[in-house]
C-alpha atoms as a PDB file:
ATOM      1  CA  UNK A   1      -0.011   0.000  -0.007  1.00  0.00           C
ATOM      2  CA  UNK A   2       2.447   2.622  -1.250  1.00  0.00           C
ATOM      3  CA  UNK A   3       2.234   5.271  -3.873  1.00  0.00           C
ATOM      4  CA  UNK A   4       5.851   4.350  -4.716  1.00  0.00           C
ATOM      5  CA  UNK A   5       4.761   0.907  -5.813  1.00  0.00           C
ATOM      6  CA  UNK A   6       1.196   1.166  -7.118  1.00  0.00           C
ATOM      7  CA  UNK A   7       1.334  -2.391  -8.503  1.00  0.00           C
ATOM      8  CA  UNK A   8       1.872  -3.603  -4.948  1.00  0.00           C
ATOM      9  CA  UNK A   9      -1.517  -2.351  -3.656  1.00  0.00           C
ATOM     10  CA  UNK A  10      -3.499  -4.863  -1.759  1.00  0.00           C
ATOM     11  CA  UNK A  11      -6.985  -4.989  -0.283  1.00  0.00           C
ATOM     12  CA  UNK A  12      -7.215  -4.151   3.404  1.00  0.00           C
ATOM     13  CA  UNK A  13      -9.063  -7.440   3.798  1.00  0.00           C
ATOM     14  CA  UNK A  14      -5.801  -9.263   2.792  1.00  0.00           C
ATOM     15  CA  UNK A  15      -3.582  -7.173   5.085  1.00  0.00           C
ATOM     16  CA  UNK A  16      -5.768  -6.852   8.142  1.00  0.00           C
ATOM     17  CA  UNK A  17      -4.796  -8.923  11.194  1.00  0.00           C
ATOM     18  CA  UNK A  18      -7.779  -9.288  13.495  1.00  0.00           C
ATOM     19  CA  UNK A  19      -7.079  -8.619  17.187  1.00  0.00           C
ATOM     20  CA  UNK A  20      -7.607 -11.271  19.813  1.00  0.00           C
ATOM     21  CA  UNK A  21     -10.814 -10.309  21.589  1.00  0.00           C
ATOM     22  CA  UNK A  22     -12.218 -11.971  24.708  1.00  0.00           C
ATOM     23  CA  UNK A  23     -15.506 -11.467  26.478  1.00  0.00           C
ATOM     24  CA  UNK A  24     -15.378 -10.957  30.185  1.00  0.00           C
ATOM     25  CA  UNK A  25     -18.078 -12.860  31.932  1.00  0.00           C
ATOM     26  CA  UNK A  26     -20.491 -11.009  34.188  1.00  0.00           C
ATOM     27  CA  UNK A  27     -19.678 -13.181  37.184  1.00  0.00           C
ATOM     28  CA  UNK A  28     -15.997 -12.123  36.729  1.00  0.00           C
ATOM     29  CA  UNK A  29     -14.675 -15.586  37.720  1.00  0.00           C
ATOM     30  CA  UNK A  30     -11.554 -14.981  35.718  1.00  0.00           C
ATOM     31  CA  UNK A  31     -12.719 -16.922  32.691  1.00  0.00           C
ATOM     32  CA  UNK A  32     -12.563 -15.198  29.395  1.00  0.00           C
ATOM     33  CA  UNK A  33     -14.386 -16.397  26.298  1.00  0.00           C
ATOM     34  CA  UNK A  34     -12.757 -15.845  22.877  1.00  0.00           C
ATOM     35  CA  UNK A  35     -14.877 -13.841  20.442  1.00  0.00           C
ATOM     36  CA  UNK A  36     -14.219 -14.160  16.743  1.00  0.00           C
ATOM     37  CA  UNK A  37     -17.335 -12.822  14.909  1.00  0.00           C
ATOM     38  CA  UNK A  38     -19.246  -9.582  14.797  1.00  0.00           C
ATOM     39  CA  UNK A  39     -22.282 -11.615  15.800  1.00  0.00           C
ATOM     40  CA  UNK A  40     -20.606 -12.736  19.051  1.00  0.00           C
ATOM     41  CA  UNK A  41     -19.755  -9.120  19.795  1.00  0.00           C
ATOM     42  CA  UNK A  42     -23.121  -7.516  18.938  1.00  0.00           C
ATOM     43  CA  UNK A  43     -25.529 -10.165  20.118  1.00  0.00           C
ATOM     44  CA  UNK A  44     -26.283 -12.410  23.133  1.00  0.00           C
ATOM     45  CA  UNK A  45     -28.099 -15.229  21.487  1.00  0.00           C
ATOM     46  CA  UNK A  46     -30.738 -13.518  19.433  1.00  0.00           C
ATOM     47  CA  UNK A  47     -30.798 -10.283  21.393  1.00  0.00           C
ATOM     48  CA  UNK A  48     -28.911  -7.253  20.161  1.00  0.00           C
ATOM     49  CA  UNK A  49     -26.744  -5.676  22.827  1.00  0.00           C
ATOM     50  CA  UNK A  50     -27.344  -2.002  23.520  1.00  0.00           C
ATOM     51  CA  UNK A  51     -23.756  -1.155  24.441  1.00  0.00           C
ATOM     52  CA  UNK A  52     -20.445  -2.859  23.857  1.00  0.00           C
ATOM     53  CA  UNK A  53     -17.119  -1.707  25.272  1.00  0.00           C
ATOM     54  CA  UNK A  54     -13.697  -2.807  23.889  1.00  0.00           C
ATOM     55  CA  UNK A  55     -11.048  -2.315  26.585  1.00  0.00           C
ATOM     56  CA  UNK A  56      -7.313  -2.736  26.348  1.00  0.00           C
ATOM     57  CA  UNK A  57      -4.038  -0.842  26.528  1.00  0.00           C
ATOM     58  CA  UNK A  58      -3.213   1.933  24.061  1.00  0.00           C
ATOM     59  CA  UNK A  59      -2.003   0.667  20.690  1.00  0.00           C
ATOM     60  CA  UNK A  60      -3.559  -2.738  20.876  1.00  0.00           C
ATOM     61  CA  UNK A  61      -5.907  -2.264  17.935  1.00  0.00           C
ATOM     62  CA  UNK A  62      -9.209  -1.045  19.317  1.00  0.00           C
ATOM     63  CA  UNK A  63      -9.458   1.933  16.871  1.00  0.00           C
ATOM     64  CA  UNK A  64      -8.293  -0.186  13.936  1.00  0.00           C
ATOM     65  CA  UNK A  65     -10.852  -2.825  14.741  1.00  0.00           C
ATOM     66  CA  UNK A  66     -13.632  -0.231  15.015  1.00  0.00           C
ATOM     67  CA  UNK A  67     -12.531   1.365  11.708  1.00  0.00           C
ATOM     68  CA  UNK A  68     -12.492  -2.020  10.022  1.00  0.00           C
ATOM     69  CA  UNK A  69     -16.008  -2.802  11.329  1.00  0.00           C
ATOM     70  CA  UNK A  70     -17.289   0.463   9.754  1.00  0.00           C
ATOM     71  CA  UNK A  71     -15.379  -0.274   6.494  1.00  0.00           C
ATOM     72  CA  UNK A  72     -16.983  -3.760   6.321  1.00  0.00           C
ATOM     73  CA  UNK A  73     -20.437  -2.120   6.749  1.00  0.00           C
ATOM     74  CA  UNK A  74     -19.610   0.403   4.012  1.00  0.00           C
ATOM     75  CA  UNK A  75     -18.412  -2.294   1.616  1.00  0.00           C
ATOM     76  CA  UNK A  76     -21.688  -4.212   1.866  1.00  0.00           C
ATOM     77  CA  UNK A  77     -19.835  -7.264   0.598  1.00  0.00           C
ATOM     78  CA  UNK A  78     -19.356 -10.489   2.533  1.00  0.00           C
ATOM     79  CA  UNK A  79     -15.670 -10.034   3.198  1.00  0.00           C
ATOM     80  CA  UNK A  80     -15.136 -13.727   3.583  1.00  0.00           C
ATOM     81  CA  UNK A  81     -15.643 -13.992  -0.158  1.00  0.00           C
ATOM     82  CA  UNK A  82     -12.564 -11.899  -0.677  1.00  0.00           C
ATOM     83  CA  UNK A  83     -10.282 -14.237   1.222  1.00  0.00           C
ATOM     84  CA  UNK A  84      -9.069 -17.800   0.616  1.00  0.00           C
ATOM     85  CA  UNK A  85      -9.440 -18.694   4.267  1.00  0.00           C
ATOM     86  CA  UNK A  86     -12.774 -20.336   4.982  1.00  0.00           C
ATOM     87  CA  UNK A  87     -13.692 -18.759   8.347  1.00  0.00           C
ATOM     88  CA  UNK A  88     -11.400 -15.833   9.149  1.00  0.00           C
ATOM     89  CA  UNK A  89     -12.156 -13.896  12.298  1.00  0.00           C
ATOM     90  CA  UNK A  90     -14.648 -10.974  12.081  1.00  0.00           C
ATOM     91  CA  UNK A  91     -15.576 -11.521   8.461  1.00  0.00           C
ATOM     92  CA  UNK A  92     -19.300 -12.221   9.082  1.00  0.00           C
ATOM     93  CA  UNK A  93     -20.168  -8.893   7.469  1.00  0.00           C
ATOM     94  CA  UNK A  94     -23.830  -9.965   6.994  1.00  0.00           C
ATOM     95  CA  UNK A  95     -24.224  -9.348  10.786  1.00  0.00           C
ATOM     96  CA  UNK A  96     -23.368  -5.678  10.504  1.00  0.00           C
ATOM     97  CA  UNK A  97     -25.244  -5.193   7.293  1.00  0.00           C
ATOM     98  CA  UNK A  98     -28.433  -5.539   9.411  1.00  0.00           C
ATOM     99  CA  UNK A  99     -27.839  -1.923  10.460  1.00  0.00           C
ATOM    100  CA  UNK A 100     -29.409   0.775   8.283  1.00  0.00           C
ATOM    101  CA  UNK A 101     -26.714   3.214   9.293  1.00  0.00           C
ATOM    102  CA  UNK A 102     -23.210   2.825  10.814  1.00  0.00           C
ATOM    103  CA  UNK A 103     -21.174   5.817  11.996  1.00  0.00           C
ATOM    104  CA  UNK A 104     -17.693   6.217  13.593  1.00  0.00           C
ATOM    105  CA  UNK A 105     -17.389   9.035  16.179  1.00  0.00           C
ATOM    106  CA  UNK A 106     -14.108  10.114  17.689  1.00  0.00           C
ATOM    107  CA  UNK A 107     -14.860  11.193  21.268  1.00  0.00           C
ATOM    108  CA  UNK A 108     -11.650  13.103  21.714  1.00  0.00           C
ATOM    109  CA  UNK A 109     -12.879  15.469  19.019  1.00  0.00           C
ATOM    110  CA  UNK A 110     -16.184  16.167  20.847  1.00  0.00           C
ATOM    111  CA  UNK A 111     -15.123  17.566  24.170  1.00  0.00           C
ATOM    112  CA  UNK A 112     -17.930  20.161  24.280  1.00  0.00           C
ATOM    113  CA  UNK A 113     -20.806  17.727  23.545  1.00  0.00           C
ATOM    114  CA  UNK A 114     -22.466  14.951  25.508  1.00  0.00           C
ATOM    115  CA  UNK A 115     -25.260  14.280  22.993  1.00  0.00           C
ATOM    116  CA  UNK A 116     -24.311  11.684  20.334  1.00  0.00           C
ATOM    117  CA  UNK A 117     -26.382  13.293  17.577  1.00  0.00           C
ATOM    118  CA  UNK A 118     -24.631  16.570  18.192  1.00  0.00           C
ATOM    119  CA  UNK A 119     -21.270  14.840  17.973  1.00  0.00           C
ATOM    120  CA  UNK A 120     -22.303  13.294  14.620  1.00  0.00           C
ATOM    121  CA  UNK A 121     -23.509  16.718  13.376  1.00  0.00           C
ATOM    122  CA  UNK A 122     -20.171  18.317  14.343  1.00  0.00           C
ATOM    123  CA  UNK A 123     -17.915  15.487  13.040  1.00  0.00           C
ATOM    124  CA  UNK A 124     -19.824  14.377   9.936  1.00  0.00           C
ATOM    125  CA  UNK A 125     -22.750  16.576   8.810  1.00  0.00           C
ATOM    126  CA  UNK A 126     -21.039  19.876   9.250  1.00  0.00           C
ATOM    127  CA  UNK A 127     -18.031  18.640   7.257  1.00  0.00           C
ATOM    128  CA  UNK A 128     -19.992  16.931   4.437  1.00  0.00           C
ATOM    129  CA  UNK A 129     -22.913  19.329   3.799  1.00  0.00           C
ATOM    130  CA  UNK A 130     -23.262  22.925   2.667  1.00  0.00           C
ATOM    131  CA  UNK A 131     -24.601  25.380   5.270  1.00  0.00           C
ATOM    132  CA  UNK A 132     -27.987  25.357   3.489  1.00  0.00           C
ATOM    133  CA  UNK A 133     -28.295  21.550   3.660  1.00  0.00           C
ATOM    134  CA  UNK A 134     -27.122  20.868   7.172  1.00  0.00           C
ATOM    135  CA  UNK A 135     -30.402  21.293   9.059  1.00  0.00           C
ATOM    136  CA  UNK A 136     -32.209  18.897   6.692  1.00  0.00           C
ATOM    137  CA  UNK A 137     -29.402  16.367   7.049  1.00  0.00           C
ATOM    138  CA  UNK A 138     -29.551  16.649  10.824  1.00  0.00           C
ATOM    139  CA  UNK A 139     -33.306  16.165  10.878  1.00  0.00           C
ATOM    140  CA  UNK A 140     -32.868  13.113   8.656  1.00  0.00           C
ATOM    141  CA  UNK A 141     -30.148  11.740  11.014  1.00  0.00           C
ATOM    142  CA  UNK A 142     -32.480  12.157  14.000  1.00  0.00           C
ATOM    143  CA  UNK A 143     -35.333  10.411  12.137  1.00  0.00           C
ATOM    144  CA  UNK A 144     -33.057   7.507  11.206  1.00  0.00           C
ATOM    145  CA  UNK A 145     -31.678   7.145  14.747  1.00  0.00           C
ATOM    146  CA  UNK A 146     -35.233   6.928  16.129  1.00  0.00           C
ATOM    147  CA  UNK A 147     -36.797   4.621  13.525  1.00  0.00           C
ATOM    148  CA  UNK A 148     -34.031   2.395  12.191  1.00  0.00           C
ATOM    149  CA  UNK A 149     -31.443   0.052  13.578  1.00  0.00           C
ATOM    150  CA  UNK A 150     -28.185   2.080  13.708  1.00  0.00           C
ATOM    151  CA  UNK A 151     -24.683   1.310  14.806  1.00  0.00           C
ATOM    152  CA  UNK A 152     -22.709   4.216  16.312  1.00  0.00           C
ATOM    153  CA  UNK A 153     -19.126   3.331  17.224  1.00  0.00           C
ATOM    154  CA  UNK A 154     -17.520   5.692  19.737  1.00  0.00           C
ATOM    155  CA  UNK A 155     -13.696   5.697  19.819  1.00  0.00           C
ATOM    156  CA  UNK A 156     -11.667   6.971  22.729  1.00  0.00           C
ATOM    157  CA  UNK A 157     -14.112   6.810  25.673  1.00  0.00           C
ATOM    158  CA  UNK A 158     -11.148   6.944  27.986  1.00  0.00           C
ATOM    159  CA  UNK A 159     -10.251  10.378  26.509  1.00  0.00           C
ATOM    160  CA  UNK A 160     -13.792  11.822  26.797  1.00  0.00           C
ATOM    161  CA  UNK A 161     -15.208  13.710  29.786  1.00  0.00           C
ATOM    162  CA  UNK A 162     -18.774  14.920  30.146  1.00  0.00           C
ATOM    163  CA  UNK A 163     -18.676  18.689  29.934  1.00  0.00           C
ATOM    164  CA  UNK A 164     -21.342  18.821  32.644  1.00  0.00           C
ATOM    165  CA  UNK A 165     -19.571  16.203  34.784  1.00  0.00           C
ATOM    166  CA  UNK A 166     -22.629  13.999  35.169  1.00  0.00           C
ATOM    167  CA  UNK A 167     -22.416  10.956  32.908  1.00  0.00           C
ATOM    168  CA  UNK A 168     -19.677   8.409  32.218  1.00  0.00           C
ATOM    169  CA  UNK A 169     -20.532   7.962  28.525  1.00  0.00           C
ATOM    170  CA  UNK A 170     -22.241  10.074  25.804  1.00  0.00           C
ATOM    171  CA  UNK A 171     -26.002  10.009  25.709  1.00  0.00           C
END
């Protein structure tokens, strides 16, 4: 992936190395369960989880994993069809394609907001739309967030503080 050698370009799907992710059990008995699909992260059985937290030291791949998840949603292609390996980790893209909308929000860039839709407006809508179209795009975003299944990935929760000092995570 270099402009110096354009013939050497490769798909991210071929270069990406999935992180080792384990689920901590609620009873905290020290047992960790390996997780290797989006389905295992997003669902408990048939039930969609409302919130999921990835926790690890800095530089361990949380942001890269979150970015790859959004990229898989954007591609709308079963990524496993792009790889020779039969069951690579986190390539069950059909699971994330159930979401009508998927967005990536960098919390460290939203230090003055606590409302997720305002963060999305600041980080995405205000950058992508002309002044005259922003209000309509924001109204559409709010309608989608209320009526459709949406996935909003927040990156950098450890770097974010509620400007009002009341909540531990954006609302």
